[in-house]
C-alpha atoms as a PDB file:
ATOM      1  CA  MET A   1      12.297 -17.507  21.487  1.00  0.00           C
ATOM      2  CA  THR A   2      10.521 -14.694  23.331  1.00  0.00           C
ATOM      3  CA  SER A   3       7.160 -15.914  24.645  1.00  0.00           C
ATOM      4  CA  ASN A   4       3.878 -14.033  24.543  1.00  0.00           C
ATOM      5  CA  ALA A   5       5.231 -10.717  23.277  1.00  0.00           C
ATOM      6  CA  ARG A   6       2.894  -8.003  22.018  1.00  0.00           C
ATOM      7  CA  ILE A   7       4.396  -6.508  18.869  1.00  0.00           C
ATOM      8  CA  ALA A   8       3.245  -3.074  17.730  1.00  0.00           C
ATOM      9  CA  LEU A   9       3.512  -2.747  13.942  1.00  0.00           C
ATOM     10  CA  ARG A  10       3.147   0.614  12.239  1.00  0.00           C
ATOM     11  CA  THR A  11       2.071   0.449   8.611  1.00  0.00           C
ATOM     12  CA  SER A  12       0.013   2.139   5.920  1.00  0.00           C
ATOM     13  CA  ASN A  13      -3.324   1.122   4.466  1.00  0.00           C
ATOM     14  CA  SER A  14      -1.818  -0.492   1.367  1.00  0.00           C
ATOM     15  CA  THR A  15      -0.247  -3.357   3.320  1.00  0.00           C
ATOM     16  CA  ARG A  16      -3.142  -4.060   5.635  1.00  0.00           C
ATOM     17  CA  PRO A  17      -4.796  -6.674   3.359  1.00  0.00           C
ATOM     18  CA  VAL A  18      -1.697  -8.880   3.181  1.00  0.00           C
ATOM     19  CA  LEU A  19      -0.917  -8.382   6.873  1.00  0.00           C
ATOM     20  CA  ASP A  20      -4.454  -9.463   7.735  1.00  0.00           C
ATOM     21  CA  LEU A  21      -3.711 -12.683   5.846  1.00  0.00           C
ATOM     22  CA  LEU A  22      -0.200 -13.246   7.221  1.00  0.00           C
ATOM     23  CA  LEU A  23      -0.486 -12.334  10.878  1.00  0.00           C
ATOM     24  CA  PRO A  24      -2.897 -15.031  12.131  1.00  0.00           C
ATOM     25  CA  GLY A  25      -0.439 -17.740  11.058  1.00  0.00           C
ATOM     26  CA  PHE A  26       2.444 -15.955  12.734  1.00  0.00           C
ATOM     27  CA  GLU A  27       0.480 -15.509  15.951  1.00  0.00           C
ATOM     28  CA  ARG A  28      -0.485 -19.184  16.043  1.00  0.00           C
ATOM     29  CA  ALA A  29       3.061 -20.362  15.371  1.00  0.00           C
ATOM     30  CA  SER A  30       4.868 -17.948  17.686  1.00  0.00           C
ATOM     31  CA  GLY A  31       2.453 -17.232  20.523  1.00  0.00           C
ATOM     32  CA  HIS A  32       3.003 -13.502  19.979  1.00  0.00           C
ATOM     33  CA  LYS A  33       0.287 -10.975  19.274  1.00  0.00           C
ATOM     34  CA  VAL A  34       0.642  -8.233  16.680  1.00  0.00           C
ATOM     35  CA  GLU A  35      -1.163  -4.906  16.995  1.00  0.00           C
ATOM     36  CA  LEU A  36      -1.476  -2.891  13.779  1.00  0.00           C
ATOM     37  CA  VAL A  37      -1.177   0.886  13.974  1.00  0.00           C
ATOM     38  CA  LEU A  38      -2.616   2.126  10.679  1.00  0.00           C
ATOM     39  CA  ASP A  39      -2.579   5.460   8.878  1.00  0.00           C
ATOM     40  CA  THR A  40      -1.812   6.888   5.454  1.00  0.00           C
ATOM     41  CA  ALA A  41       1.798   6.567   4.311  1.00  0.00           C
ATOM     42  CA  LYS A  42       2.356  10.304   4.749  1.00  0.00           C
ATOM     43  CA  ASN A  43       0.780  10.448   8.193  1.00  0.00           C
ATOM     44  CA  SER A  44       2.592   7.315   9.365  1.00  0.00           C
ATOM     45  CA  LEU A  45       5.948   8.895   8.554  1.00  0.00           C
ATOM     46  CA  ALA A  46       4.966  12.207  10.164  1.00  0.00           C
ATOM     47  CA  ARG A  47       3.752  10.537  13.347  1.00  0.00           C
ATOM     48  CA  ILE A  48       6.961   8.562  13.711  1.00  0.00           C
ATOM     49  CA  GLU A  49       9.106  11.637  13.052  1.00  0.00           C
ATOM     50  CA  ALA A  50       7.040  13.434  15.722  1.00  0.00           C
ATOM     51  CA  GLY A  51       8.019  10.810  18.286  1.00  0.00           C
ATOM     52  CA  GLU A  52       5.471   7.989  18.083  1.00  0.00           C
ATOM     53  CA  ARG A  53       7.077   4.567  18.260  1.00  0.00           C
ATOM     54  CA  ALA A  54       6.340   0.859  17.862  1.00  0.00           C
ATOM     55  CA  ASP A  55       8.350  -2.332  17.443  1.00  0.00           C
ATOM     56  CA  VAL A  56       8.197  -2.818  13.678  1.00  0.00           C
ATOM     57  CA  ALA A  57       7.501  -0.552  10.706  1.00  0.00           C
ATOM     58  CA  VAL A  58       6.321  -1.704   7.281  1.00  0.00           C
ATOM     59  CA  LEU A  59       6.386   1.351   5.038  1.00  0.00           C
ATOM     60  CA  LEU A  60       7.546   2.602   1.665  1.00  0.00           C
ATOM     61  CA  GLY A  61      11.231   1.897   1.203  1.00  0.00           C
ATOM     62  CA  LYS A  62      12.158   5.577   0.943  1.00  0.00           C
ATOM     63  CA  ASN A  63      10.451   6.245   4.291  1.00  0.00           C
ATOM     64  CA  ILE A  64      12.154   3.278   5.949  1.00  0.00           C
ATOM     65  CA  ASP A  65      15.508   4.515   4.651  1.00  0.00           C
ATOM     66  CA  LYS A  66      14.834   8.025   5.967  1.00  0.00           C
ATOM     67  CA  LEU A  67      13.932   6.716   9.432  1.00  0.00           C
ATOM     68  CA  ALA A  68      16.970   4.432   9.409  1.00  0.00           C
ATOM     69  CA  ASP A  69      19.213   7.389   8.569  1.00  0.00           C
ATOM     70  CA  LEU A  70      17.728   9.144  11.619  1.00  0.00           C
ATOM     71  CA  LYS A  71      18.446   5.986  13.673  1.00  0.00           C
ATOM     72  CA  ILE A  72      14.760   5.784  14.585  1.00  0.00           C
ATOM     73  CA  LEU A  73      14.812   2.398  12.866  1.00  0.00           C
ATOM     74  CA  ALA A  74      17.753   0.029  13.162  1.00  0.00           C
ATOM     75  CA  PRO A  75      19.508   0.261   9.763  1.00  0.00           C
ATOM     76  CA  GLU A  76      20.754  -3.331   9.877  1.00  0.00           C
ATOM     77  CA  SER A  77      17.219  -4.650  10.394  1.00  0.00           C
ATOM     78  CA  ARG A  78      15.866  -3.382   7.075  1.00  0.00           C
ATOM     79  CA  GLN A  79      14.575  -5.975   4.635  1.00  0.00           C
ATOM     80  CA  PRO A  80      12.415  -5.972   1.499  1.00  0.00           C
ATOM     81  CA  PHE A  81       8.720  -6.657   2.031  1.00  0.00           C
ATOM     82  CA  CYS A  82       6.592  -6.245  -1.103  1.00  0.00           C
ATOM     83  CA  ARG A  83       5.985  -4.408  -4.358  1.00  0.00           C
ATOM     84  CA  SER A  84       2.658  -2.984  -5.447  1.00  0.00           C
ATOM     85  CA  ASN A  85       1.504  -1.129  -8.521  1.00  0.00           C
ATOM     86  CA  ILE A  86      -1.409   0.993  -9.643  1.00  0.00           C
ATOM     87  CA  GLY A  87      -4.728  -0.017 -11.146  1.00  0.00           C
ATOM     88  CA  MET A  88      -8.221   1.266 -11.684  1.00  0.00           C
ATOM     89  CA  ALA A  89     -11.637   0.009 -10.641  1.00  0.00           C
ATOM     90  CA  VAL A  90     -15.318   0.576 -11.360  1.00  0.00           C
ATOM     91  CA  LEU A  91     -18.567  -0.310  -9.611  1.00  0.00           C
ATOM     92  CA  LYS A  92     -19.113  -4.057  -9.407  1.00  0.00           C
ATOM     93  CA  GLY A  93     -20.879  -5.278 -12.539  1.00  0.00           C
ATOM     94  CA  ALA A  94     -20.315  -2.057 -14.490  1.00  0.00           C
ATOM     95  CA  PRO A  95     -18.718  -2.202 -17.946  1.00  0.00           C
ATOM     96  CA  LYS A  96     -14.912  -2.247 -17.741  1.00  0.00           C
ATOM     97  CA  PRO A  97     -13.372   0.409 -19.981  1.00  0.00           C
ATOM     98  CA  ASP A  98     -10.155  -0.177 -21.887  1.00  0.00           C
ATOM     99  CA  ILE A  99      -6.993   0.990 -20.101  1.00  0.00           C
ATOM    100  CA  SER A 100      -4.623  -1.475 -21.782  1.00  0.00           C
ATOM    101  CA  THR A 101      -2.590   1.122 -23.708  1.00  0.00           C
ATOM    102  CA  VAL A 102      -1.576   4.709 -23.038  1.00  0.00           C
ATOM    103  CA  GLU A 103      -4.002   6.026 -25.642  1.00  0.00           C
ATOM    104  CA  ALA A 104      -6.838   3.839 -24.337  1.00  0.00           C
ATOM    105  CA  PHE A 105      -6.110   4.971 -20.779  1.00  0.00           C
ATOM    106  CA  LYS A 106      -6.212   8.631 -21.821  1.00  0.00           C
ATOM    107  CA  ARG A 107      -9.423   8.118 -23.789  1.00  0.00           C
ATOM    108  CA  THR A 108     -11.089   6.368 -20.856  1.00  0.00           C
ATOM    109  CA  LEU A 109     -10.195   9.224 -18.517  1.00  0.00           C
ATOM    110  CA  LEU A 110     -11.371  11.864 -20.979  1.00  0.00           C
ATOM    111  CA  GLU A 111     -14.677  10.046 -21.513  1.00  0.00           C
ATOM    112  CA  CYS A 112     -15.429   9.179 -17.889  1.00  0.00           C
ATOM    113  CA  GLN A 113     -17.773  11.250 -15.753  1.00  0.00           C
ATOM    114  CA  SER A 114     -15.574  11.214 -12.638  1.00  0.00           C
ATOM    115  CA  VAL A 115     -12.425   9.604 -11.264  1.00  0.00           C
ATOM    116  CA  ALA A 116     -11.497   9.266  -7.599  1.00  0.00           C
ATOM    117  CA  HIS A 117      -8.065   9.205  -5.973  1.00  0.00           C
ATOM    118  CA  THR A 118      -6.551  10.002  -2.601  1.00  0.00           C
ATOM    119  CA  GLU A 119      -4.638  13.214  -1.925  1.00  0.00           C
ATOM    120  CA  PHE A 120      -1.912  11.962   0.394  1.00  0.00           C
ATOM    121  CA  GLY A 121      -1.528   8.284  -0.433  1.00  0.00           C
ATOM    122  CA  PRO A 122       1.421   7.416  -2.712  1.00  0.00           C
ATOM    123  CA  SER A 123      -0.761   6.591  -5.724  1.00  0.00           C
ATOM    124  CA  GLY A 124      -2.972   9.625  -5.198  1.00  0.00           C
ATOM    125  CA  ALA A 125       0.041  11.902  -5.038  1.00  0.00           C
ATOM    126  CA  TYR A 126       1.233  10.384  -8.315  1.00  0.00           C
ATOM    127  CA  PHE A 127      -2.051  11.026 -10.146  1.00  0.00           C
ATOM    128  CA  PRO A 128      -1.860  14.823 -10.744  1.00  0.00           C
ATOM    129  CA  GLY A 129       1.651  14.632 -12.172  1.00  0.00           C
ATOM    130  CA  LEU A 130       0.619  11.756 -14.404  1.00  0.00           C
ATOM    131  CA  MET A 131      -2.236  13.827 -15.795  1.00  0.00           C
ATOM    132  CA  VAL A 132       0.214  16.641 -16.550  1.00  0.00           C
ATOM    133  CA  ARG A 133       2.534  14.158 -18.238  1.00  0.00           C
ATOM    134  CA  LEU A 134      -0.344  12.918 -20.417  1.00  0.00           C
ATOM    135  CA  GLY A 135      -1.346  16.478 -21.290  1.00  0.00           C
ATOM    136  CA  ILE A 136      -4.903  16.142 -19.972  1.00  0.00           C
ATOM    137  CA  ALA A 137      -4.669  17.734 -16.514  1.00  0.00           C
ATOM    138  CA  ALA A 138      -7.025  20.625 -17.346  1.00  0.00           C
ATOM    139  CA  GLN A 139      -9.717  18.287 -18.667  1.00  0.00           C
ATOM    140  CA  ILE A 140      -9.462  15.810 -15.786  1.00  0.00           C
ATOM    141  CA  LYS A 141      -9.267  18.256 -12.873  1.00  0.00           C
ATOM    142  CA  PRO A 142     -13.034  19.022 -12.811  1.00  0.00           C
ATOM    143  CA  LYS A 143     -13.781  15.277 -12.763  1.00  0.00           C
ATOM    144  CA  GLU A 144     -11.609  14.443  -9.771  1.00  0.00           C
ATOM    145  CA  VAL A 145     -13.184  13.201  -6.539  1.00  0.00           C
ATOM    146  CA  THR A 146     -10.625  13.137  -3.751  1.00  0.00           C
ATOM    147  CA  ARG A 147     -10.279  11.956  -0.182  1.00  0.00           C
ATOM    148  CA  PRO A 148      -7.261  12.565   2.096  1.00  0.00           C
ATOM    149  CA  GLY A 149      -6.428   8.857   2.337  1.00  0.00           C
ATOM    150  CA  GLY A 150      -7.858   5.393   2.947  1.00  0.00           C
ATOM    151  CA  TYR A 151      -9.376   2.992   0.450  1.00  0.00           C
ATOM    152  CA  ILE A 152     -10.633   5.195  -2.363  1.00  0.00           C
ATOM    153  CA  GLY A 153     -12.698   2.324  -3.767  1.00  0.00           C
ATOM    154  CA  VAL A 154     -15.382   3.041  -1.170  1.00  0.00           C
ATOM    155  CA  VAL A 155     -16.177   6.237  -3.083  1.00  0.00           C
ATOM    156  CA  VAL A 156     -17.006   4.213  -6.202  1.00  0.00           C
ATOM    157  CA  ALA A 157     -18.898   1.590  -4.181  1.00  0.00           C
ATOM    158  CA  ALA A 158     -21.034   4.414  -2.754  1.00  0.00           C
ATOM    159  CA  GLY A 159     -21.803   5.778  -6.223  1.00  0.00           C
ATOM    160  CA  GLU A 160     -19.867   8.995  -5.677  1.00  0.00           C
ATOM    161  CA  ALA A 161     -17.460   8.441  -8.588  1.00  0.00           C
ATOM    162  CA  GLN A 162     -17.506   6.366 -11.753  1.00  0.00           C
ATOM    163  CA  MET A 163     -14.010   4.942 -11.380  1.00  0.00           C
ATOM    164  CA  CYS A 164     -10.997   5.167  -9.101  1.00  0.00           C
ATOM    165  CA  PHE A 165      -7.205   5.107  -9.255  1.00  0.00           C
ATOM    166  CA  GLN A 166      -5.121   3.481  -6.506  1.00  0.00           C
ATOM    167  CA  GLN A 167      -2.732   0.655  -5.724  1.00  0.00           C
ATOM    168  CA  ILE A 168      -4.298  -2.630  -6.810  1.00  0.00           C
ATOM    169  CA  CYS A 169      -3.825  -4.151  -3.360  1.00  0.00           C
ATOM    170  CA  GLU A 170      -6.019  -1.399  -1.901  1.00  0.00           C
ATOM    171  CA  LEU A 171      -8.653  -1.722  -4.617  1.00  0.00           C
ATOM    172  CA  LEU A 172      -8.948  -5.465  -4.001  1.00  0.00           C
ATOM    173  CA  ALA A 173      -9.703  -4.785  -0.337  1.00  0.00           C
ATOM    174  CA  VAL A 174     -12.951  -2.957  -1.112  1.00  0.00           C
ATOM    175  CA  PRO A 175     -16.203  -4.908  -1.647  1.00  0.00           C
ATOM    176  CA  GLY A 176     -18.597  -3.687  -4.293  1.00  0.00           C
ATOM    177  CA  ILE A 177     -16.067  -2.752  -6.968  1.00  0.00           C
ATOM    178  CA  ASP A 178     -14.323  -4.563  -9.820  1.00  0.00           C
ATOM    179  CA  VAL A 179     -10.669  -3.993 -10.651  1.00  0.00           C
ATOM    180  CA  ILE A 180     -10.306  -3.130 -14.340  1.00  0.00           C
ATOM    181  CA  GLY A 181      -6.618  -3.962 -14.333  1.00  0.00           C
ATOM    182  CA  PRO A 182      -3.254  -2.242 -13.991  1.00  0.00           C
ATOM    183  CA  ILE A 183      -2.528   1.003 -15.794  1.00  0.00           C
ATOM    184  CA  PRO A 184      -0.195   0.643 -18.810  1.00  0.00           C
ATOM    185  CA  ASP A 185       3.397  -0.348 -18.126  1.00  0.00           C
ATOM    186  CA  GLU A 186       4.711   2.901 -19.619  1.00  0.00           C
ATOM    187  CA  LEU A 187       2.803   4.847 -16.965  1.00  0.00           C
ATOM    188  CA  GLN A 188       3.159   2.406 -14.099  1.00  0.00           C
ATOM    189  CA  PHE A 189       4.848   3.257 -10.816  1.00  0.00           C
ATOM    190  CA  ASP A 190       6.082   0.482  -8.562  1.00  0.00           C
ATOM    191  CA  PHE A 191       5.861   1.040  -4.815  1.00  0.00           C
ATOM    192  CA  ASP A 192       8.456  -0.999  -2.941  1.00  0.00           C
ATOM    193  CA  THR A 193       7.870  -1.520   0.764  1.00  0.00           C
ATOM    194  CA  GLN A 194      10.394  -2.512   3.421  1.00  0.00           C
ATOM    195  CA  ALA A 195      10.162  -3.751   6.991  1.00  0.00           C
ATOM    196  CA  ALA A 196      12.435  -2.716   9.845  1.00  0.00           C
ATOM    197  CA  ILE A 197      12.678  -2.756  13.639  1.00  0.00           C
ATOM    198  CA  PHE A 198      12.539   0.351  15.812  1.00  0.00           C
ATOM    199  CA  THR A 199      15.863   1.054  17.481  1.00  0.00           C
ATOM    200  CA  ASP A 200      14.257   1.366  20.911  1.00  0.00           C
ATOM    201  CA  SER A 201      11.896  -1.611  20.571  1.00  0.00           C
ATOM    202  CA  ARG A 202      11.513  -3.580  23.787  1.00  0.00           C
ATOM    203  CA  ASN A 203      10.524  -6.673  21.818  1.00  0.00           C
ATOM    204  CA  ARG A 204      13.455  -6.958  19.415  1.00  0.00           C
ATOM    205  CA  SER A 205      13.665 -10.744  19.540  1.00  0.00           C
ATOM    206  CA  ALA A 206       9.982 -11.148  18.744  1.00  0.00           C
ATOM    207  CA  ALA A 207      10.254  -8.447  16.072  1.00  0.00           C
ATOM    208  CA  ARG A 208      13.086 -10.374  14.402  1.00  0.00           C
ATOM    209  CA  GLU A 209      10.891 -13.488  14.410  1.00  0.00           C
ATOM    210  CA  LEU A 210       8.153 -11.504  12.682  1.00  0.00           C
ATOM    211  CA  LEU A 211      10.486 -10.214   9.972  1.00  0.00           C
ATOM    212  CA  ALA A 212      11.859 -13.711   9.410  1.00  0.00           C
ATOM    213  CA  TYR A 213       8.287 -14.967   9.020  1.00  0.00           C
ATOM    214  CA  PHE A 214       7.470 -12.272   6.471  1.00  0.00           C
ATOM    215  CA  ALA A 215      10.472 -13.315   4.360  1.00  0.00           C
ATOM    216  CA  GLN A 216       9.545 -16.991   4.032  1.00  0.00           C
ATOM    217  CA  PRO A 217       9.124 -17.853   0.317  1.00  0.00           C
ATOM    218  CA  MET A 218       6.039 -19.951   1.074  1.00  0.00           C
ATOM    219  CA  HIS A 219       4.098 -16.695   1.521  1.00  0.00           C
ATOM    220  CA  ALA A 220       4.461 -15.616  -2.128  1.00  0.00           C
ATOM    221  CA  ALA A 221       0.955 -16.856  -2.980  1.00  0.00           C
ATOM    222  CA  THR A 222      -0.496 -14.944  -0.034  1.00  0.00           C
ATOM    223  CA  PHE A 223       1.092 -11.716  -1.260  1.00  0.00           C
ATOM    224  CA  LYS A 224      -0.263 -12.382  -4.766  1.00  0.00           C
ATOM    225  CA  ARG A 225      -3.750 -12.986  -3.368  1.00  0.00           C
ATOM    226  CA  ALA A 226      -3.586  -9.506  -1.828  1.00  0.00           C
ATOM    227  CA  GLY A 227      -2.473  -7.945  -5.129  1.00  0.00           C
ATOM    228  CA  LEU A 228       1.194  -7.686  -4.157  1.00  0.00           C
ATOM    229  CA  ILE A 229       4.541  -9.189  -5.121  1.00  0.00           C
ATOM    230  CA  GLN A 230       6.653 -10.568  -2.286  1.00  0.00           C
ATOM    231  CA  LEU A 231      10.184  -9.208  -2.490  1.00  0.00           C
ATOM    232  CA  PRO A 232      12.961 -11.668  -1.625  1.00  0.00           C
ATOM    233  CA  LEU A 233      15.771 -10.952   0.775  1.00  0.00           C
ATOM    234  CA  ALA A 234      18.966  -9.711  -0.838  1.00  0.00           C
ATOM    235  CA  GLU A 235      21.516 -12.387  -1.609  1.00  0.00           C
END
């Protein structure tokens, strides 16, 4: 076991809540320290492609696969991490509108005063196309409140939008808002995240320990607490 390594972990905002819960236990058990390098999913990928490096990446599976194909990440080190899906939230204590069916979801959006989403986060990028699919893009566009990235729930907490649309794990991380629930299954989009080790990591042994820790089944409840589903290793 490598002693007292400092592991740099690049990830996006959606996984920060569960990493904040998981990493203290790993650091106590291993003696290693983990430094998070955070950005939006889009920016994280761009920064790595531009030459920035770390020891471990926890990103959307498609981005991990792309970086593995480029040999920036070690292909054999890839492993499943978690799955997240999309929900909506309102100001804490406000009435929770019905989004349980496709028709109820559409009606809620058409009746709301404003809805916030990110521009470059995975869920935010999904929103405009979903509105087109539902046939309400023209009506919703004037109500949209957008930010480039980050936790969009802060916009609702600040009173700048009535409701917001983002991955549930990110909504749960924001104080001052209440999660209404997930959007209907027919409209849902699952975001699967993987972990992998950078090919040129100088702390590969410690990085492998970290990935092994992430995969332990005992952490399933921790993932759930953060609004995520832990994905098991492939058989």
